[in-house]
Amino acid sequence: MTRRLPGPCAAALLLSLAGCQRQAPSEALFPLEAGHRWTYRVTTRTGDDTSERESLTLRTLGPESMTGLDGQNAWRRRSDSGVDYWLRADETGVYRVATKSDLEAEPKLDKPQRFVLKAPYTVGTQWQAATTSYLLMRRNEFPREIRHSHPSIPMNYQIEAVDETVETPAGRFEPCLKVRGTGSVRVYADPASGWKDMPLLTIEWYCKGVGLVKLERDEPAQSAFLTGGSRTLELESWQ
């Protein structure tokens, strides 16, 4: 089944956002200027062996001045799931400075800024950014989604490779930067196991001149009280 992706979760998982008015060192790996569009095939597999395919489109809208951002512009991206992101890029990397869903009256500033890619873009570069759980759910409690009780979870990122080749429905891309993110969320698993650290794993590929072409997220749950799953985003088309 293919349909428009409901809600902000997959868009938030992408973290595909924007930067300064001048040409930034990261621009080849993360295009920021207005006029770009990315459409992703989103495949979600859950612990009960079900699979769902959806579609997600992101567009770049250009630089904007925002209150609370020291008078400087930030580049705006919009997801068709109803979420806007504002980013900047400079010699330190590409980072998000604000987000806003259609249900919010004003953008919410990131304090501190949230790195999407941190310079230098070489193997071994590390950083930390907040994430949440997108797939872990409780079987018999409400609300089921773990993200409601754990909205901000630290995840450690590291550049693992800078010359990857990636095959997607949109074609073959190279050279690409490979980024791995690892984290965990501590939850009550079941009466036998008690509290456990459930792993959160992400792999992202950013390719020169295109940006994010593929993302894999894995949130396994070995628990009678929880279900987990995986989600893959693959580039279908871009401009």
Protein backbone atom coordinates (compact mmCIF):
# COMPACT_ATOMS: atom_id res chain seq x y z
CA MET A 1 0.00 0.00 0.00
CA THR A 2 1.27 3.49 -0.88
CA ARG A 3 -0.16 6.65 0.66
CA ARG A 4 0.88 9.99 2.09
CA LEU A 5 2.69 9.60 5.38
CA PRO A 6 0.46 10.66 8.32
CA GLY A 7 1.93 12.65 11.18
CA PRO A 8 5.42 14.06 11.78
CA CYS A 9 7.30 10.95 12.87
CA ALA A 10 9.02 9.95 9.65
CA ALA A 11 9.71 13.59 8.85
CA ALA A 12 11.25 14.12 12.25
CA LEU A 13 13.32 11.00 11.73
CA LEU A 14 14.75 12.49 8.56
CA LEU A 15 15.91 15.66 10.20
CA SER A 16 16.42 17.06 6.69
CA LEU A 17 16.67 20.76 7.37
CA ALA A 18 18.61 24.13 6.38
CA GLY A 19 21.45 26.88 6.94
CA CYS A 20 23.06 30.34 6.11
CA GLN A 21 22.57 32.61 3.10
CA ARG A 22 26.15 32.24 1.94
CA GLN A 23 27.47 29.12 0.27
CA ALA A 24 28.31 26.68 3.08
CA PRO A 25 31.01 23.99 3.06
CA SER A 26 28.34 21.34 3.67
CA GLU A 27 26.08 22.37 0.81
CA ALA A 28 27.16 19.57 -1.51
CA LEU A 29 26.16 16.97 1.11
CA PHE A 30 23.07 18.80 2.33
CA PRO A 31 21.54 21.22 -0.22
CA LEU A 32 19.93 24.21 1.46
CA GLU A 33 18.82 26.65 -1.24
CA ALA A 34 15.18 27.04 -2.29
CA GLY A 35 13.67 24.94 -5.05
CA HIS A 36 14.77 21.42 -4.11
CA ARG A 37 12.34 18.55 -3.56
CA TRP A 38 12.94 15.02 -2.26
CA THR A 39 10.37 12.21 -2.30
CA TYR A 40 11.13 9.13 -0.20
CA ARG A 41 9.68 5.65 -0.13
CA VAL A 42 9.05 4.86 3.54
CA THR A 43 8.78 1.18 4.51
CA THR A 44 7.86 0.33 8.09
CA ARG A 45 8.03 -3.19 9.50
CA THR A 46 6.65 -3.91 12.95
CA GLY A 47 7.21 -6.71 15.44
CA ASP A 48 4.07 -8.54 14.38
CA ASP A 49 5.59 -9.06 10.90
CA THR A 50 3.37 -6.50 9.19
CA SER A 51 4.76 -4.09 6.59
CA GLU A 52 3.46 -0.74 5.37
CA ARG A 53 4.73 1.43 2.54
CA GLU A 54 4.17 5.18 2.48
CA SER A 55 5.51 8.28 0.74
CA LEU A 56 7.10 11.43 2.16
CA THR A 57 8.08 14.62 0.32
CA LEU A 58 10.31 17.43 1.58
CA ARG A 59 10.81 20.83 -0.07
CA THR A 60 13.29 23.66 0.49
CA LEU A 61 11.62 27.09 0.75
CA GLY A 62 14.60 29.41 1.15
CA PRO A 63 16.01 31.69 3.87
CA GLU A 64 13.83 33.41 6.47
CA SER A 65 14.41 35.77 9.37
CA MET A 66 13.10 34.45 12.68
CA THR A 67 12.49 36.06 16.06
CA GLY A 68 14.96 34.79 18.66
CA LEU A 69 17.68 33.90 16.14
CA ASP A 70 19.92 36.96 16.65
CA GLY A 71 18.67 38.59 13.48
CA GLN A 72 20.22 35.95 11.24
CA ASN A 73 18.40 33.99 8.54
CA ALA A 74 17.75 30.28 8.70
CA TRP A 75 16.83 28.04 5.77
CA ARG A 76 13.35 26.55 5.84
CA ARG A 77 12.31 23.04 4.81
CA ARG A 78 8.76 21.74 4.80
CA SER A 79 7.51 18.17 5.00
CA ASP A 80 4.18 17.19 3.48
CA SER A 81 3.39 15.62 6.86
CA GLY A 82 2.88 19.16 8.18
CA VAL A 83 6.23 19.96 9.84
CA ASP A 84 8.58 22.86 9.07
CA TYR A 85 12.30 22.91 9.92
CA TRP A 86 14.76 25.79 9.99
CA LEU A 87 18.48 25.12 9.68
CA ARG A 88 21.83 26.80 9.24
CA ALA A 89 25.22 25.72 7.99
CA ASP A 90 28.68 27.10 8.73
CA GLU A 91 32.20 25.85 9.35
CA THR A 92 30.96 23.70 12.26
CA GLY A 93 28.46 21.75 10.16
CA VAL A 94 24.73 21.67 9.37
CA TYR A 95 22.40 22.17 12.31
CA ARG A 96 18.72 22.66 13.05
CA VAL A 97 17.66 25.78 14.92
CA ALA A 98 13.84 25.47 15.06
CA THR A 99 10.82 23.30 14.21
CA LYS A 100 7.08 23.85 13.92
CA SER A 101 4.15 21.55 13.27
CA ASP A 102 0.87 22.74 11.79
CA LEU A 103 -0.67 22.35 15.26
CA GLU A 104 1.76 24.87 16.80
CA ALA A 105 1.29 28.63 16.65
CA GLU A 106 5.00 29.53 16.63
CA PRO A 107 8.28 27.76 15.81
CA LYS A 108 10.04 26.09 18.73
CA LEU A 109 13.72 26.96 18.96
CA ASP A 110 16.32 24.22 19.44
CA LYS A 111 18.37 24.96 22.55
CA PRO A 112 21.08 23.99 21.99
CA GLN A 113 21.16 23.71 18.21
CA ARG A 114 20.78 20.17 16.86
CA PHE A 115 23.49 18.98 14.48
CA VAL A 116 22.42 17.03 11.40
CA LEU A 117 26.00 16.75 10.11
CA LYS A 118 29.02 17.92 12.08
CA ALA A 119 32.28 19.05 10.50
CA PRO A 120 34.86 17.99 9.60
CA TYR A 121 33.21 15.54 7.20
CA THR A 122 35.80 12.85 7.77
CA VAL A 123 35.74 9.33 9.21
CA GLY A 124 35.63 9.45 13.00
CA THR A 125 33.82 12.79 13.51
CA GLN A 126 31.35 12.40 16.39
CA TRP A 127 28.48 14.39 17.88
CA GLN A 128 25.40 13.93 20.03
CA ALA A 129 21.83 14.98 19.30
CA ALA A 130 18.41 14.35 20.79
CA THR A 131 16.05 11.80 19.26
CA THR A 132 13.02 9.87 20.42
CA SER A 133 11.51 6.44 19.84
CA TYR A 134 9.50 6.18 16.63
CA LEU A 135 8.67 2.47 16.64
CA LEU A 136 8.72 1.10 20.20
CA MET A 137 5.21 0.65 21.60
CA ARG A 138 3.55 -0.82 24.67
CA ARG A 139 1.19 -3.68 23.92
CA ASN A 140 -1.47 -3.05 26.54
CA GLU A 141 -0.96 0.47 27.94
CA PHE A 142 -2.10 3.89 26.79
CA PRO A 143 -0.61 5.87 25.23
CA ARG A 144 1.14 3.01 23.44
CA GLU A 145 3.98 5.05 21.93
CA ILE A 146 7.15 5.20 24.03
CA ARG A 147 7.93 8.65 22.60
CA HIS A 148 5.20 10.21 24.75
CA SER A 149 7.03 9.29 27.96
CA HIS A 150 10.54 9.69 26.48
CA PRO A 151 10.40 12.70 24.12
CA SER A 152 14.14 13.45 24.23
CA ILE A 153 16.73 10.65 24.12
CA PRO A 154 20.46 11.30 23.52
CA MET A 155 21.89 9.59 20.45
CA ASN A 156 25.60 9.41 19.60
CA TYR A 157 26.48 9.86 15.91
CA GLN A 158 29.71 9.07 14.07
CA ILE A 159 30.82 9.36 10.45
CA GLU A 160 31.82 5.82 9.44
CA ALA A 161 32.68 6.29 5.76
CA VAL A 162 32.98 9.04 3.16
CA ASP A 163 33.06 7.07 -0.10
CA GLU A 164 29.99 4.80 0.02
CA THR A 165 27.93 3.87 -3.05
CA VAL A 166 24.18 3.71 -2.47
CA GLU A 167 21.47 2.18 -4.68
CA THR A 168 17.97 3.68 -4.34
CA PRO A 169 14.80 3.75 -6.48
CA ALA A 170 16.02 7.18 -7.68
CA GLY A 171 19.28 5.69 -8.92
CA ARG A 172 22.87 5.03 -7.90
CA PHE A 173 24.71 7.69 -5.89
CA GLU A 174 28.39 8.16 -5.03
CA PRO A 175 30.41 9.24 -3.17
CA CYS A 176 28.24 9.22 -0.05
CA LEU A 177 28.84 9.94 3.61
CA LYS A 178 27.70 7.18 5.98
CA VAL A 179 26.62 8.19 9.50
CA ARG A 180 25.73 5.74 12.29
CA GLY A 181 23.69 6.76 15.32
CA THR A 182 23.36 4.67 18.50
CA GLY A 183 21.29 5.25 21.61
CA SER A 184 19.00 3.50 24.06
CA VAL A 185 15.86 4.10 26.04
CA ARG A 186 15.29 2.58 29.48
CA VAL A 187 11.80 1.14 29.87
CA TYR A 188 10.00 -1.49 31.91
CA ALA A 189 10.25 -4.57 29.69
CA ASP A 190 8.24 -7.16 31.64
CA PRO A 191 7.99 -8.67 35.15
CA ALA A 192 10.73 -11.21 34.43
CA SER A 193 13.27 -8.77 32.96
CA GLY A 194 12.32 -5.61 34.82
CA TRP A 195 13.82 -2.38 33.46
CA LYS A 196 15.94 -2.74 30.31
CA ASP A 197 17.84 -0.49 27.92
CA MET A 198 16.23 -0.88 24.50
CA PRO A 199 18.58 -0.02 21.63
CA LEU A 200 17.85 2.68 19.04
CA LEU A 201 19.95 2.39 15.86
CA THR A 202 20.12 4.68 12.81
CA ILE A 203 22.22 4.64 9.64
CA GLU A 204 22.06 7.61 7.23
CA TRP A 205 23.67 8.17 3.82
CA TYR A 206 24.29 11.70 2.50
CA CYS A 207 25.52 12.05 -1.09
CA LYS A 208 27.21 14.99 -2.78
CA GLY A 209 24.88 17.29 -4.64
CA VAL A 210 21.77 15.42 -3.47
CA GLY A 211 21.63 15.19 0.32
CA LEU A 212 20.00 12.37 2.26
CA VAL A 213 19.34 9.40 -0.07
CA LYS A 214 18.72 6.61 2.43
CA LEU A 215 18.00 6.09 6.13
CA GLU A 216 17.59 2.91 8.16
CA ARG A 217 16.12 2.92 11.67
CA ASP A 218 15.95 -0.15 13.91
CA GLU A 219 14.21 -0.32 17.29
CA PRO A 220 14.08 -4.00 18.35
CA ALA A 221 12.06 -5.05 21.38
CA GLN A 222 12.58 -8.43 23.02
CA SER A 223 9.80 -8.11 25.54
CA ALA A 224 6.35 -9.49 26.17
CA PHE A 225 5.14 -5.98 27.01
CA LEU A 226 6.61 -4.13 24.01
CA THR A 227 6.69 -4.23 20.23
CA GLY A 228 9.43 -2.75 18.07
CA GLY A 229 10.23 -2.53 14.40
CA SER A 230 12.30 -1.01 11.62
CA ARG A 231 11.84 1.82 9.14
CA THR A 232 13.66 2.47 5.88
CA LEU A 233 13.56 5.68 3.83
CA GLU A 234 14.82 5.45 0.23
CA LEU A 235 14.98 8.29 -2.25
CA GLU A 236 12.46 7.85 -5.10
CA SER A 237 12.92 11.21 -6.85
CA TRP A 238 14.58 14.60 -6.33
CA GLN A 239 15.27 17.91 -8.01
